[in-house]
């Protein structure tokens, strides 16, 4: 079981003034059924009898080894080259930048 869709279903009739009777539900999908799971989430969210629709997954083929917490010497524990930097999300990483980062509010003539 790689993907699970969890949701609450209101089993109460649509009678005016009746309190909802929320019952937890879940549907299981294989890793290869991501599209089907997403489509089911959309259908469940569109139905007012359902609430709190969430999807959880353990797509083991899409993540690295369990327990790997560090990159040493630019390589992962299995020897693969790793050069991504959190600082690189907004542009060049600092270690690859042509000049050091500038503080806000300063000019090049400072």
PDB file of N, CA and C in Angstrom:
ATOM      1  N   UNK A   1       0.853  -1.165   0.000  1.00  0.00           N
ATOM      2  CA  UNK A   1       0.000   0.000   0.000  1.00  0.00           C
ATOM      3  C   UNK A   1       0.901   1.231   0.000  1.00  0.00           C
ATOM      4  N   UNK A   2       0.913   1.972  -1.103  1.00  0.00           N
ATOM      5  CA  UNK A   2       1.764   3.133  -1.205  1.00  0.00           C
ATOM      6  C   UNK A   2       1.044   4.445  -0.983  1.00  0.00           C
ATOM      7  N   UNK A   3      -0.237   4.514  -1.355  1.00  0.00           N
ATOM      8  CA  UNK A   3      -1.008   5.755  -1.252  1.00  0.00           C
ATOM      9  C   UNK A   3      -2.321   5.446  -0.542  1.00  0.00           C
ATOM     10  N   UNK A   4      -2.700   6.313   0.402  1.00  0.00           N
ATOM     11  CA  UNK A   4      -3.976   6.142   1.100  1.00  0.00           C
ATOM     12  C   UNK A   4      -4.713   7.483   1.087  1.00  0.00           C
ATOM     13  N   UNK A   5      -5.988   7.441   0.731  1.00  0.00           N
ATOM     14  CA  UNK A   5      -6.847   8.625   0.788  1.00  0.00           C
ATOM     15  C   UNK A   5      -7.727   8.470   2.027  1.00  0.00           C
ATOM     16  N   UNK A   6      -7.630   9.424   2.932  1.00  0.00           N
ATOM     17  CA  UNK A   6      -8.427   9.428   4.152  1.00  0.00           C
ATOM     18  C   UNK A   6      -9.478  10.535   4.035  1.00  0.00           C
ATOM     19  N   UNK A   7     -10.678  10.286   4.559  1.00  0.00           N
ATOM     20  CA  UNK A   7     -11.712  11.315   4.553  1.00  0.00           C
ATOM     21  C   UNK A   7     -12.783  10.981   5.578  1.00  0.00           C
ATOM     22  N   UNK A   8     -13.613  11.973   5.883  1.00  0.00           N
ATOM     23  CA  UNK A   8     -14.765  11.776   6.753  1.00  0.00           C
ATOM     24  C   UNK A   8     -16.016  11.805   5.907  1.00  0.00           C
ATOM     25  N   UNK A   9     -16.907  10.856   6.142  1.00  0.00           N
ATOM     26  CA  UNK A   9     -18.175  10.780   5.404  1.00  0.00           C
ATOM     27  C   UNK A   9     -19.307  11.029   6.385  1.00  0.00           C
ATOM     28  N   UNK A  10     -20.223  11.900   5.997  1.00  0.00           N
ATOM     29  CA  UNK A  10     -21.396  12.183   6.811  1.00  0.00           C
ATOM     30  C   UNK A  10     -22.461  11.148   6.482  1.00  0.00           C
ATOM     31  N   UNK A  11     -22.726  10.236   7.415  1.00  0.00           N
ATOM     32  CA  UNK A  11     -23.718   9.182   7.195  1.00  0.00           C
ATOM     33  C   UNK A  11     -25.126   9.607   7.592  1.00  0.00           C
ATOM     34  N   UNK A  12     -25.282  10.803   8.124  1.00  0.00           N
ATOM     35  CA  UNK A  12     -26.621  11.293   8.491  1.00  0.00           C
ATOM     36  C   UNK A  12     -27.383  11.666   7.224  1.00  0.00           C
ATOM     37  N   UNK A  13     -28.691  11.501   7.284  1.00  0.00           N
ATOM     38  CA  UNK A  13     -29.536  11.922   6.162  1.00  0.00           C
ATOM     39  C   UNK A  13     -29.474  13.433   6.052  1.00  0.00           C
ATOM     40  N   UNK A  14     -29.875  13.967   4.936  1.00  0.00           N
ATOM     41  CA  UNK A  14     -29.832  15.409   4.706  1.00  0.00           C
ATOM     42  C   UNK A  14     -31.017  16.128   5.353  1.00  0.00           C
ATOM     43  N   UNK A  15     -31.520  15.619   6.471  1.00  0.00           N
ATOM     44  CA  UNK A  15     -32.646  16.255   7.155  1.00  0.00           C
ATOM     45  C   UNK A  15     -32.207  17.567   7.785  1.00  0.00           C
ATOM     46  N   UNK A  16     -33.042  18.562   7.655  1.00  0.00           N
ATOM     47  CA  UNK A  16     -32.751  19.885   8.206  1.00  0.00           C
ATOM     48  C   UNK A  16     -32.575  19.801   9.718  1.00  0.00           C
ATOM     49  N   UNK A  17     -31.507  20.383  10.232  1.00  0.00           N
ATOM     50  CA  UNK A  17     -31.277  20.444  11.669  1.00  0.00           C
ATOM     51  C   UNK A  17     -30.651  19.206  12.282  1.00  0.00           C
ATOM     52  N   UNK A  18     -30.471  18.147  11.536  1.00  0.00           N
ATOM     53  CA  UNK A  18     -29.864  16.926  12.079  1.00  0.00           C
ATOM     54  C   UNK A  18     -28.348  17.094  12.174  1.00  0.00           C
ATOM     55  N   UNK A  19     -27.767  16.628  13.273  1.00  0.00           N
ATOM     56  CA  UNK A  19     -26.328  16.717  13.475  1.00  0.00           C
ATOM     57  C   UNK A  19     -25.613  15.769  12.515  1.00  0.00           C
ATOM     58  N   UNK A  20     -24.480  16.192  11.969  1.00  0.00           N
ATOM     59  CA  UNK A  20     -23.723  15.293  11.084  1.00  0.00           C
ATOM     60  C   UNK A  20     -23.216  14.073  11.848  1.00  0.00           C
ATOM     61  N   UNK A  21     -23.150  12.956  11.173  1.00  0.00           N
ATOM     62  CA  UNK A  21     -22.624  11.721  11.734  1.00  0.00           C
ATOM     63  C   UNK A  21     -21.366  11.354  10.935  1.00  0.00           C
ATOM     64  N   UNK A  22     -20.232  11.963  11.309  1.00  0.00           N
ATOM     65  CA  UNK A  22     -18.992  11.775  10.561  1.00  0.00           C
ATOM     66  C   UNK A  22     -18.366  10.421  10.871  1.00  0.00           C
ATOM     67  N   UNK A  23     -18.057   9.673   9.828  1.00  0.00           N
ATOM     68  CA  UNK A  23     -17.421   8.369   9.953  1.00  0.00           C
ATOM     69  C   UNK A  23     -16.114   8.364   9.156  1.00  0.00           C
ATOM     70  N   UNK A  24     -15.002   7.966   9.773  1.00  0.00           N
ATOM     71  CA  UNK A  24     -13.731   7.943   9.034  1.00  0.00           C
ATOM     72  C   UNK A  24     -13.728   6.840   7.973  1.00  0.00           C
ATOM     73  N   UNK A  25     -13.137   7.153   6.831  1.00  0.00           N
ATOM     74  CA  UNK A  25     -13.049   6.223   5.704  1.00  0.00           C
ATOM     75  C   UNK A  25     -11.630   6.288   5.141  1.00  0.00           C
ATOM     76  N   UNK A  26     -11.231   5.241   4.435  1.00  0.00           N
ATOM     77  CA  UNK A  26      -9.948   5.282   3.729  1.00  0.00           C
ATOM     78  C   UNK A  26     -10.003   4.393   2.492  1.00  0.00           C
ATOM     79  N   UNK A  27      -9.220   4.775   1.506  1.00  0.00           N
ATOM     80  CA  UNK A  27      -9.088   4.025   0.258  1.00  0.00           C
ATOM     81  C   UNK A  27      -7.608   3.829  -0.013  1.00  0.00           C
ATOM     82  N   UNK A  28      -7.195   2.626  -0.371  1.00  0.00           N
ATOM     83  CA  UNK A  28      -5.782   2.328  -0.609  1.00  0.00           C
ATOM     84  C   UNK A  28      -5.498   2.212  -2.105  1.00  0.00           C
ATOM     85  N   UNK A  29      -4.331   2.721  -2.512  1.00  0.00           N
ATOM     86  CA  UNK A  29      -3.891   2.677  -3.902  1.00  0.00           C
ATOM     87  C   UNK A  29      -2.428   2.245  -3.938  1.00  0.00           C
ATOM     88  N   UNK A  30      -2.007   1.682  -5.053  1.00  0.00           N
ATOM     89  CA  UNK A  30      -0.587   1.330  -5.223  1.00  0.00           C
ATOM     90  C   UNK A  30       0.177   2.589  -5.632  1.00  0.00           C
ATOM     91  N   UNK A  31       1.507   2.512  -5.582  1.00  0.00           N
ATOM     92  CA  UNK A  31       2.347   3.639  -5.991  1.00  0.00           C
ATOM     93  C   UNK A  31       2.055   4.081  -7.421  1.00  0.00           C
ATOM     94  N   UNK A  32       1.705   3.152  -8.288  1.00  0.00           N
ATOM     95  CA  UNK A  32       1.467   3.454  -9.692  1.00  0.00           C
ATOM     96  C   UNK A  32       0.102   4.105  -9.934  1.00  0.00           C
ATOM     97  N   UNK A  33      -0.740   4.184  -8.916  1.00  0.00           N
ATOM     98  CA  UNK A  33      -2.089   4.723  -9.076  1.00  0.00           C
ATOM     99  C   UNK A  33      -2.231   6.158  -8.564  1.00  0.00           C
ATOM    100  N   UNK A  34      -1.166   6.948  -8.631  1.00  0.00           N
ATOM    101  CA  UNK A  34      -1.207   8.326  -8.140  1.00  0.00           C
ATOM    102  C   UNK A  34      -2.297   9.139  -8.837  1.00  0.00           C
ATOM    103  N   UNK A  35      -2.425   9.026 -10.157  1.00  0.00           N
ATOM    104  CA  UNK A  35      -3.448   9.787 -10.890  1.00  0.00           C
ATOM    105  C   UNK A  35      -4.850   9.429 -10.415  1.00  0.00           C
ATOM    106  N   UNK A  36      -5.103   8.152 -10.209  1.00  0.00           N
ATOM    107  CA  UNK A  36      -6.413   7.716  -9.744  1.00  0.00           C
ATOM    108  C   UNK A  36      -6.700   8.246  -8.341  1.00  0.00           C
ATOM    109  N   UNK A  37      -5.696   8.218  -7.471  1.00  0.00           N
ATOM    110  CA  UNK A  37      -5.872   8.716  -6.104  1.00  0.00           C
ATOM    111  C   UNK A  37      -6.167  10.214  -6.105  1.00  0.00           C
ATOM    112  N   UNK A  38      -5.462  10.976  -6.931  1.00  0.00           N
ATOM    113  CA  UNK A  38      -5.713  12.419  -7.024  1.00  0.00           C
ATOM    114  C   UNK A  38      -7.107  12.701  -7.565  1.00  0.00           C
ATOM    115  N   UNK A  39      -7.521  11.953  -8.580  1.00  0.00           N
ATOM    116  CA  UNK A  39      -8.864  12.131  -9.143  1.00  0.00           C
ATOM    117  C   UNK A  39      -9.934  11.810  -8.094  1.00  0.00           C
ATOM    118  N   UNK A  40      -9.720  10.762  -7.314  1.00  0.00           N
ATOM    119  CA  UNK A  40     -10.676  10.399  -6.265  1.00  0.00           C
ATOM    120  C   UNK A  40     -10.756  11.507  -5.215  1.00  0.00           C
ATOM    121  N   UNK A  41      -9.627  12.093  -4.855  1.00  0.00           N
ATOM    122  CA  UNK A  41      -9.628  13.213  -3.901  1.00  0.00           C
ATOM    123  C   UNK A  41     -10.487  14.357  -4.422  1.00  0.00           C
ATOM    124  N   UNK A  42     -10.360  14.676  -5.702  1.00  0.00           N
ATOM    125  CA  UNK A  42     -11.167  15.752  -6.289  1.00  0.00           C
ATOM    126  C   UNK A  42     -12.656  15.427  -6.221  1.00  0.00           C
ATOM    127  N   UNK A  43     -13.019  14.189  -6.532  1.00  0.00           N
ATOM    128  CA  UNK A  43     -14.437  13.790  -6.470  1.00  0.00           C
ATOM    129  C   UNK A  43     -14.965  13.877  -5.040  1.00  0.00           C
ATOM    130  N   UNK A  44     -14.180  13.400  -4.084  1.00  0.00           N
ATOM    131  CA  UNK A  44     -14.622  13.433  -2.686  1.00  0.00           C
ATOM    132  C   UNK A  44     -14.785  14.864  -2.184  1.00  0.00           C
ATOM    133  N   UNK A  45     -13.861  15.742  -2.553  1.00  0.00           N
ATOM    134  CA  UNK A  45     -13.937  17.136  -2.098  1.00  0.00           C
ATOM    135  C   UNK A  45     -15.121  17.867  -2.710  1.00  0.00           C
ATOM    136  N   UNK A  46     -15.555  17.457  -3.896  1.00  0.00           N
ATOM    137  CA  UNK A  46     -16.688  18.107  -4.564  1.00  0.00           C
ATOM    138  C   UNK A  46     -18.026  17.701  -3.947  1.00  0.00           C
ATOM    139  N   UNK A  47     -18.059  16.623  -3.201  1.00  0.00           N
ATOM    140  CA  UNK A  47     -19.292  16.110  -2.597  1.00  0.00           C
ATOM    141  C   UNK A  47     -19.433  16.657  -1.174  1.00  0.00           C
ATOM    142  N   UNK A  48     -20.511  17.395  -0.880  1.00  0.00           N
ATOM    143  CA  UNK A  48     -20.663  17.996   0.453  1.00  0.00           C
ATOM    144  C   UNK A  48     -20.816  16.977   1.592  1.00  0.00           C
ATOM    145  N   UNK A  49     -21.047  15.707   1.274  1.00  0.00           N
ATOM    146  CA  UNK A  49     -21.148  14.678   2.317  1.00  0.00           C
ATOM    147  C   UNK A  49     -19.782  14.273   2.863  1.00  0.00           C
ATOM    148  N   UNK A  50     -18.701  14.774   2.243  1.00  0.00           N
ATOM    149  CA  UNK A  50     -17.349  14.408   2.662  1.00  0.00           C
ATOM    150  C   UNK A  50     -16.609  15.623   3.189  1.00  0.00           C
ATOM    151  N   UNK A  51     -15.737  15.387   4.149  1.00  0.00           N
ATOM    152  CA  UNK A  51     -14.936  16.470   4.723  1.00  0.00           C
ATOM    153  C   UNK A  51     -13.530  15.954   5.023  1.00  0.00           C
ATOM    154  N   UNK A  52     -12.610  16.864   5.171  1.00  0.00           N
ATOM    155  CA  UNK A  52     -11.230  16.582   5.562  1.00  0.00           C
ATOM    156  C   UNK A  52     -10.607  15.485   4.698  1.00  0.00           C
ATOM    157  N   UNK A  53     -10.639  15.695   3.382  1.00  0.00           N
ATOM    158  CA  UNK A  53     -10.066  14.733   2.440  1.00  0.00           C
ATOM    159  C   UNK A  53      -8.557  14.983   2.343  1.00  0.00           C
ATOM    160  N   UNK A  54      -7.776  13.972   2.679  1.00  0.00           N
ATOM    161  CA  UNK A  54      -6.316  14.085   2.617  1.00  0.00           C
ATOM    162  C   UNK A  54      -5.724  12.827   1.988  1.00  0.00           C
ATOM    163  N   UNK A  55      -4.528  12.999   1.444  1.00  0.00           N
ATOM    164  CA  UNK A  55      -3.845  11.867   0.837  1.00  0.00           C
ATOM    165  C   UNK A  55      -2.476  11.730   1.503  1.00  0.00           C
ATOM    166  N   UNK A  56      -2.098  10.523   1.803  1.00  0.00           N
ATOM    167  CA  UNK A  56      -0.804  10.248   2.413  1.00  0.00           C
ATOM    168  C   UNK A  56      -0.109   9.185   1.565  1.00  0.00           C
ATOM    169  N   UNK A  57       1.217   9.278   1.469  1.00  0.00           N
ATOM    170  CA  UNK A  57       1.917   8.290   0.647  1.00  0.00           C
ATOM    171  C   UNK A  57       3.280   7.955   1.213  1.00  0.00           C
ATOM    172  N   UNK A  58       3.761   6.797   0.826  1.00  0.00           N
ATOM    173  CA  UNK A  58       5.113   6.333   1.107  1.00  0.00           C
ATOM    174  C   UNK A  58       5.715   5.903  -0.223  1.00  0.00           C
ATOM    175  N   UNK A  59       5.860   6.835  -1.134  1.00  0.00           N
ATOM    176  CA  UNK A  59       6.392   6.505  -2.453  1.00  0.00           C
ATOM    177  C   UNK A  59       7.891   6.244  -2.325  1.00  0.00           C
ATOM    178  N   UNK A  60       8.216   5.043  -1.977  1.00  0.00           N
ATOM    179  CA  UNK A  60       9.600   4.685  -1.664  1.00  0.00           C
ATOM    180  C   UNK A  60      10.541   4.850  -2.860  1.00  0.00           C
ATOM    181  N   UNK A  61      10.032   4.723  -4.078  1.00  0.00           N
ATOM    182  CA  UNK A  61      10.885   4.889  -5.252  1.00  0.00           C
ATOM    183  C   UNK A  61      11.193   6.350  -5.543  1.00  0.00           C
ATOM    184  N   UNK A  62      10.521   7.271  -4.860  1.00  0.00           N
ATOM    185  CA  UNK A  62      10.666   8.692  -5.147  1.00  0.00           C
ATOM    186  C   UNK A  62      11.533   9.416  -4.125  1.00  0.00           C
ATOM    187  N   UNK A  63      12.067   8.714  -3.146  1.00  0.00           N
ATOM    188  CA  UNK A  63      12.889   9.345  -2.114  1.00  0.00           C
ATOM    189  C   UNK A  63      14.196   8.588  -1.975  1.00  0.00           C
ATOM    190  N   UNK A  64      15.130   9.194  -1.284  1.00  0.00           N
ATOM    191  CA  UNK A  64      16.422   8.550  -1.062  1.00  0.00           C
ATOM    192  C   UNK A  64      16.335   7.487   0.014  1.00  0.00           C
ATOM    193  N   UNK A  65      17.492   7.028   0.404  1.00  0.00           N
ATOM    194  CA  UNK A  65      17.554   5.992   1.417  1.00  0.00           C
ATOM    195  C   UNK A  65      16.991   6.494   2.743  1.00  0.00           C
ATOM    196  N   UNK A  66      16.340   5.617   3.470  1.00  0.00           N
ATOM    197  CA  UNK A  66      15.837   5.980   4.780  1.00  0.00           C
ATOM    198  C   UNK A  66      17.005   6.212   5.722  1.00  0.00           C
ATOM    199  N   UNK A  67      16.906   7.234   6.538  1.00  0.00           N
ATOM    200  CA  UNK A  67      17.912   7.495   7.542  1.00  0.00           C
ATOM    201  C   UNK A  67      19.094   8.319   7.075  1.00  0.00           C
ATOM    202  N   UNK A  68      19.160   8.684   5.794  1.00  0.00           N
ATOM    203  CA  UNK A  68      20.262   9.511   5.311  1.00  0.00           C
ATOM    204  C   UNK A  68      19.984  10.944   5.714  1.00  0.00           C
ATOM    205  N   UNK A  69      20.867  11.519   6.527  1.00  0.00           N
ATOM    206  CA  UNK A  69      20.627  12.855   7.046  1.00  0.00           C
ATOM    207  C   UNK A  69      21.710  13.845   6.640  1.00  0.00           C
ATOM    208  N   UNK A  70      22.735  13.412   5.922  1.00  0.00           N
ATOM    209  CA  UNK A  70      23.821  14.339   5.625  1.00  0.00           C
ATOM    210  C   UNK A  70      24.466  14.008   4.286  1.00  0.00           C
ATOM    211  N   UNK A  71      25.042  15.042   3.696  1.00  0.00           N
ATOM    212  CA  UNK A  71      25.861  14.898   2.500  1.00  0.00           C
ATOM    213  C   UNK A  71      27.268  15.273   2.915  1.00  0.00           C
ATOM    214  N   UNK A  72      28.208  14.403   2.652  1.00  0.00           N
ATOM    215  CA  UNK A  72      29.593  14.655   3.057  1.00  0.00           C
ATOM    216  C   UNK A  72      30.483  14.725   1.831  1.00  0.00           C
ATOM    217  N   UNK A  73      31.263  15.798   1.764  1.00  0.00           N
ATOM    218  CA  UNK A  73      32.178  15.959   0.639  1.00  0.00           C
ATOM    219  C   UNK A  73      31.462  16.097  -0.690  1.00  0.00           C
ATOM    220  N   UNK A  74      30.217  16.607  -0.684  1.00  0.00           N
ATOM    221  CA  UNK A  74      29.477  16.787  -1.927  1.00  0.00           C
ATOM    222  C   UNK A  74      28.891  15.512  -2.496  1.00  0.00           C
ATOM    223  N   UNK A  75      28.870  14.451  -1.695  1.00  0.00           N
ATOM    224  CA  UNK A  75      28.336  13.166  -2.165  1.00  0.00           C
ATOM    225  C   UNK A  75      27.378  12.576  -1.137  1.00  0.00           C
ATOM    226  N   UNK A  76      26.388  11.854  -1.635  1.00  0.00           N
ATOM    227  CA  UNK A  76      25.458  11.149  -0.761  1.00  0.00           C
ATOM    228  C   UNK A  76      26.157   9.893  -0.248  1.00  0.00           C
ATOM    229  N   UNK A  77      25.616   9.233   0.779  1.00  0.00           N
ATOM    230  CA  UNK A  77      26.263   8.025   1.305  1.00  0.00           C
ATOM    231  C   UNK A  77      26.455   6.918   0.272  1.00  0.00           C
ATOM    232  N   UNK A  78      25.625   6.891  -0.790  1.00  0.00           N
ATOM    233  CA  UNK A  78      25.813   5.869  -1.821  1.00  0.00           C
ATOM    234  C   UNK A  78      26.779   6.319  -2.920  1.00  0.00           C
ATOM    235  N   UNK A  79      27.425   7.511  -2.747  1.00  0.00           N
ATOM    236  CA  UNK A  79      28.458   7.959  -3.670  1.00  0.00           C
ATOM    237  C   UNK A  79      27.982   8.890  -4.775  1.00  0.00           C
ATOM    238  N   UNK A  80      26.682   9.148  -4.849  1.00  0.00           N
ATOM    239  CA  UNK A  80      26.155  10.029  -5.891  1.00  0.00           C
ATOM    240  C   UNK A  80      26.544  11.476  -5.609  1.00  0.00           C
ATOM    241  N   UNK A  81      26.872  12.232  -6.671  1.00  0.00           N
ATOM    242  CA  UNK A  81      27.205  13.643  -6.552  1.00  0.00           C
ATOM    243  C   UNK A  81      25.971  14.430  -6.144  1.00  0.00           C
ATOM    244  N   UNK A  82      26.120  15.353  -5.195  1.00  0.00           N
ATOM    245  CA  UNK A  82      25.005  16.143  -4.683  1.00  0.00           C
ATOM    246  C   UNK A  82      25.459  17.580  -4.539  1.00  0.00           C
ATOM    247  N   UNK A  83      24.901  18.482  -5.403  1.00  0.00           N
ATOM    248  CA  UNK A  83      25.337  19.871  -5.337  1.00  0.00           C
ATOM    249  C   UNK A  83      24.196  20.862  -5.149  1.00  0.00           C
ATOM    250  N   UNK A  84      22.998  20.385  -4.824  1.00  0.00           N
ATOM    251  CA  UNK A  84      21.872  21.281  -4.592  1.00  0.00           C
ATOM    252  C   UNK A  84      22.087  22.046  -3.298  1.00  0.00           C
ATOM    253  N   UNK A  85      21.673  23.309  -3.291  1.00  0.00           N
ATOM    254  CA  UNK A  85      21.814  24.140  -2.102  1.00  0.00           C
ATOM    255  C   UNK A  85      20.498  24.855  -1.844  1.00  0.00           C
ATOM    256  N   UNK A  86      20.101  24.934  -0.604  1.00  0.00           N
ATOM    257  CA  UNK A  86      18.883  25.656  -0.254  1.00  0.00           C
ATOM    258  C   UNK A  86      18.982  27.109  -0.703  1.00  0.00           C
ATOM    259  N   UNK A  87      20.159  27.691  -0.602  1.00  0.00           N
ATOM    260  CA  UNK A  87      20.360  29.072  -1.036  1.00  0.00           C
ATOM    261  C   UNK A  87      20.134  29.202  -2.540  1.00  0.00           C
ATOM    262  N   UNK A  88      20.289  28.133  -3.278  1.00  0.00           N
ATOM    263  CA  UNK A  88      20.123  28.169  -4.726  1.00  0.00           C
ATOM    264  C   UNK A  88      18.692  28.294  -5.195  1.00  0.00           C
ATOM    265  N   UNK A  89      17.737  28.168  -4.301  1.00  0.00           N
ATOM    266  CA  UNK A  89      16.338  28.272  -4.707  1.00  0.00           C
ATOM    267  C   UNK A  89      16.004  29.671  -5.204  1.00  0.00           C
ATOM    268  N   UNK A  90      16.689  30.689  -4.714  1.00  0.00           N
ATOM    269  CA  UNK A  90      16.398  32.063  -5.104  1.00  0.00           C
ATOM    270  C   UNK A  90      17.414  32.580  -6.114  1.00  0.00           C
ATOM    271  N   UNK A  91      18.266  31.774  -6.610  1.00  0.00           N
ATOM    272  CA  UNK A  91      19.308  32.178  -7.548  1.00  0.00           C
ATOM    273  C   UNK A  91      20.510  31.275  -7.375  1.00  0.00           C
ATOM    274  N   UNK A  92      21.657  31.767  -7.727  1.00  0.00           N
ATOM    275  CA  UNK A  92      22.876  30.969  -7.570  1.00  0.00           C
ATOM    276  C   UNK A  92      23.151  30.687  -6.097  1.00  0.00           C
ATOM    277  N   UNK A  93      23.671  29.533  -5.820  1.00  0.00           N
ATOM    278  CA  UNK A  93      24.062  29.258  -4.444  1.00  0.00           C
ATOM    279  C   UNK A  93      25.264  30.133  -4.122  1.00  0.00           C
ATOM    280  N   UNK A  94      25.457  30.443  -2.872  1.00  0.00           N
ATOM    281  CA  UNK A  94      26.531  31.360  -2.483  1.00  0.00           C
ATOM    282  C   UNK A  94      27.905  30.818  -2.833  1.00  0.00           C
ATOM    283  N   UNK A  95      28.088  29.521  -2.719  1.00  0.00           N
ATOM    284  CA  UNK A  95      29.421  28.994  -3.013  1.00  0.00           C
ATOM    285  C   UNK A  95      29.749  29.089  -4.495  1.00  0.00           C
ATOM    286  N   UNK A  96      28.721  29.248  -5.355  1.00  0.00           N
ATOM    287  CA  UNK A  96      28.952  29.373  -6.789  1.00  0.00           C
ATOM    288  C   UNK A  96      28.796  30.809  -7.289  1.00  0.00           C
ATOM    289  N   UNK A  97      28.461  31.734  -6.411  1.00  0.00           N
ATOM    290  CA  UNK A  97      28.228  33.121  -6.823  1.00  0.00           C
ATOM    291  C   UNK A  97      29.551  33.791  -7.186  1.00  0.00           C
ATOM    292  N   UNK A  98      29.467  34.741  -8.110  1.00  0.00           N
ATOM    293  CA  UNK A  98      30.658  35.470  -8.549  1.00  0.00           C
ATOM    294  C   UNK A  98      31.140  36.449  -7.477  1.00  0.00           C
ATOM    295  N   UNK A  99      30.237  36.978  -6.663  1.00  0.00           N
ATOM    296  CA  UNK A  99      30.613  37.894  -5.593  1.00  0.00           C
ATOM    297  C   UNK A  99      29.812  37.552  -4.350  1.00  0.00           C
ATOM    298  N   UNK A 100      30.271  37.942  -3.174  1.00  0.00           N
ATOM    299  CA  UNK A 100      29.568  37.604  -1.936  1.00  0.00           C
ATOM    300  C   UNK A 100      28.191  38.260  -1.885  1.00  0.00           C
ATOM    301  N   UNK A 101      27.283  37.717  -1.089  1.00  0.00           N
ATOM    302  CA  UNK A 101      25.948  38.298  -0.991  1.00  0.00           C
ATOM    303  C   UNK A 101      26.010  39.713  -0.424  1.00  0.00           C
ATOM    304  N   UNK A 102      25.081  40.551  -0.889  1.00  0.00           N
ATOM    305  CA  UNK A 102      25.015  41.930  -0.418  1.00  0.00           C
ATOM    306  C   UNK A 102      23.916  42.052   0.623  1.00  0.00           C
ATOM    307  N   UNK A 103      24.142  42.911   1.613  1.00  0.00           N
ATOM    308  CA  UNK A 103      23.119  43.184   2.609  1.00  0.00           C
ATOM    309  C   UNK A 103      22.092  44.124   2.013  1.00  0.00           C
ATOM    310  N   UNK A 104      20.856  43.969   2.422  1.00  0.00           N
ATOM    311  CA  UNK A 104      19.804  44.855   1.928  1.00  0.00           C
ATOM    312  C   UNK A 104      20.090  46.281   2.328  1.00  0.00           C
ATOM    313  N   UNK A 105      19.752  47.219   1.448  1.00  0.00           N
ATOM    314  CA  UNK A 105      19.898  48.624   1.753  1.00  0.00           C
ATOM    315  C   UNK A 105      21.289  49.182   1.483  1.00  0.00           C
ATOM    316  N   UNK A 106      22.223  48.333   1.016  1.00  0.00           N
ATOM    317  CA  UNK A 106      23.553  48.837   0.696  1.00  0.00           C
ATOM    318  C   UNK A 106      23.673  49.003  -0.803  1.00  0.00           C
ATOM    319  N   UNK A 107      24.556  49.853  -1.243  1.00  0.00           N
ATOM    320  CA  UNK A 107      24.787  50.052  -2.670  1.00  0.00           C
ATOM    321  C   UNK A 107      26.184  49.577  -3.010  1.00  0.00           C
ATOM    322  N   UNK A 108      26.492  49.501  -4.290  1.00  0.00           N
ATOM    323  CA  UNK A 108      27.798  49.007  -4.696  1.00  0.00           C
ATOM    324  C   UNK A 108      28.918  49.986  -4.396  1.00  0.00           C
ATOM    325  N   UNK A 109      28.578  51.264  -4.102  1.00  0.00           N
ATOM    326  CA  UNK A 109      29.610  52.247  -3.807  1.00  0.00           C
ATOM    327  C   UNK A 109      29.958  52.286  -2.320  1.00  0.00           C
ATOM    328  N   UNK A 110      29.280  51.503  -1.476  1.00  0.00           N
ATOM    329  CA  UNK A 110      29.558  51.494  -0.015  1.00  0.00           C
ATOM    330  C   UNK A 110      30.858  50.827   0.288  1.00  0.00           C
TER     331      UNK A 110
END
